[in-house]
C-alpha cells in the first residue's frame, strides 16, 4: 500500500463526511439565520428561541434523509471493506 492509496482513502472518507453532514448543517444554518433575523426585528432575545427550531429542523432532516444517509454510508463501508484484501 502506497502513500497515494492512503491519501485516496482519507480523501474519500473526508468527502463522505462532508456530503453526509452538509444537508443537515445547511438546514440548521438557514433556520438559525431566519430566527436571528426574526429576533433582530422584534428585539426578542430568548435563548430557547434559537435552540428549539434548530433542534427540530435537524431531527426533521435526519428523519427525511436518514435512508439516503445510511445507504450512502453503507456503500462506502462495503467498498472500504472490499478494498482491504487489496491493501495487503
Protein backbone atom coordinates (compact mmCIF):
# COMPACT_ATOMS: atom_id res chain seq x y z
CA UNK A 1 0.00 0.00 0.00
CA UNK A 2 1.47 3.30 -1.04
CA UNK A 3 1.10 6.79 0.36
CA UNK A 4 -1.15 7.63 -2.59
CA UNK A 5 -3.58 4.85 -1.67
CA UNK A 6 -3.75 6.10 1.91
CA UNK A 7 -4.33 9.64 0.67
CA UNK A 8 -7.18 8.45 -1.56
CA UNK A 9 -8.80 6.59 1.34
CA UNK A 10 -8.53 9.65 3.60
CA UNK A 11 -9.83 11.98 0.87
CA UNK A 12 -12.82 9.74 0.20
CA UNK A 13 -13.58 9.47 3.91
CA UNK A 14 -13.46 13.22 4.42
CA UNK A 15 -15.57 13.77 1.29
CA UNK A 16 -18.25 11.37 2.51
CA UNK A 17 -18.35 13.05 5.93
CA UNK A 18 -18.80 16.41 4.20
CA UNK A 19 -21.54 15.12 1.88
CA UNK A 20 -23.42 13.43 4.75
CA UNK A 21 -23.22 16.43 7.12
CA UNK A 22 -23.83 19.23 4.62
CA UNK A 23 -27.64 18.94 4.22
CA UNK A 24 -28.29 18.76 7.96
CA UNK A 25 -25.88 21.55 8.86
CA UNK A 26 -27.08 23.68 5.94
CA UNK A 27 -30.68 23.44 7.13
CA UNK A 28 -29.62 24.32 10.68
CA UNK A 29 -27.69 27.35 9.44
CA UNK A 30 -30.61 28.57 7.34
CA UNK A 31 -33.13 28.20 10.19
CA UNK A 32 -30.65 29.86 12.56
CA UNK A 33 -30.35 32.83 10.20
CA UNK A 34 -34.13 33.13 9.91
CA UNK A 35 -34.53 33.05 13.69
CA UNK A 36 -31.72 35.60 14.13
CA UNK A 37 -33.40 37.97 11.67
CA UNK A 38 -36.70 37.48 13.49
CA UNK A 39 -35.04 38.21 16.84
CA UNK A 40 -33.33 41.31 15.49
CA UNK A 41 -36.54 42.73 14.09
CA UNK A 42 -38.66 42.02 17.17
CA UNK A 43 -35.95 42.61 19.83
CA UNK A 44 -36.77 39.27 21.44
CA UNK A 45 -33.61 37.81 22.98
CA UNK A 46 -34.88 34.48 24.25
CA UNK A 47 -32.20 31.77 24.15
CA UNK A 48 -34.59 28.87 23.64
CA UNK A 49 -35.96 30.60 20.55
CA UNK A 50 -32.67 29.92 18.78
CA UNK A 51 -32.15 26.39 20.10
CA UNK A 52 -35.51 24.69 19.62
CA UNK A 53 -36.09 25.46 15.91
CA UNK A 54 -32.57 24.22 15.11
CA UNK A 55 -33.20 21.05 17.09
CA UNK A 56 -36.49 20.39 15.31
CA UNK A 57 -35.09 21.06 11.84
CA UNK A 58 -32.11 18.79 12.49
CA UNK A 59 -34.41 15.99 13.64
CA UNK A 60 -36.67 16.57 10.62
CA UNK A 61 -33.74 16.47 8.20
CA UNK A 62 -32.44 13.27 9.80
CA UNK A 63 -35.89 11.72 9.51
CA UNK A 64 -36.26 12.74 5.86
CA UNK A 65 -32.72 11.96 4.72
CA UNK A 66 -31.97 9.05 7.05
CA UNK A 67 -32.40 6.37 4.40
CA UNK A 68 -30.13 8.16 1.95
CA UNK A 69 -27.55 8.88 4.65
CA UNK A 70 -27.38 5.27 5.76
CA UNK A 71 -27.35 3.83 2.24
CA UNK A 72 -24.51 6.16 1.24
CA UNK A 73 -22.53 5.21 4.34
CA UNK A 74 -23.29 1.52 3.76
CA UNK A 75 -22.00 1.69 0.19
CA UNK A 76 -18.84 3.48 1.30
CA UNK A 77 -18.23 0.97 4.10
CA UNK A 78 -18.74 -2.02 1.81
CA UNK A 79 -16.31 -0.54 -0.73
CA UNK A 80 -13.81 0.13 2.04
CA UNK A 81 -14.03 -3.44 3.38
CA UNK A 82 -13.75 -4.89 -0.11
CA UNK A 83 -10.53 -2.95 -0.66
CA UNK A 84 -8.87 -4.38 2.50
CA UNK A 85 -7.57 -7.56 0.77
CA UNK A 86 -6.04 -5.42 -1.97
CA UNK A 87 -4.09 -3.48 0.64
CA UNK A 88 -2.20 -6.50 1.92
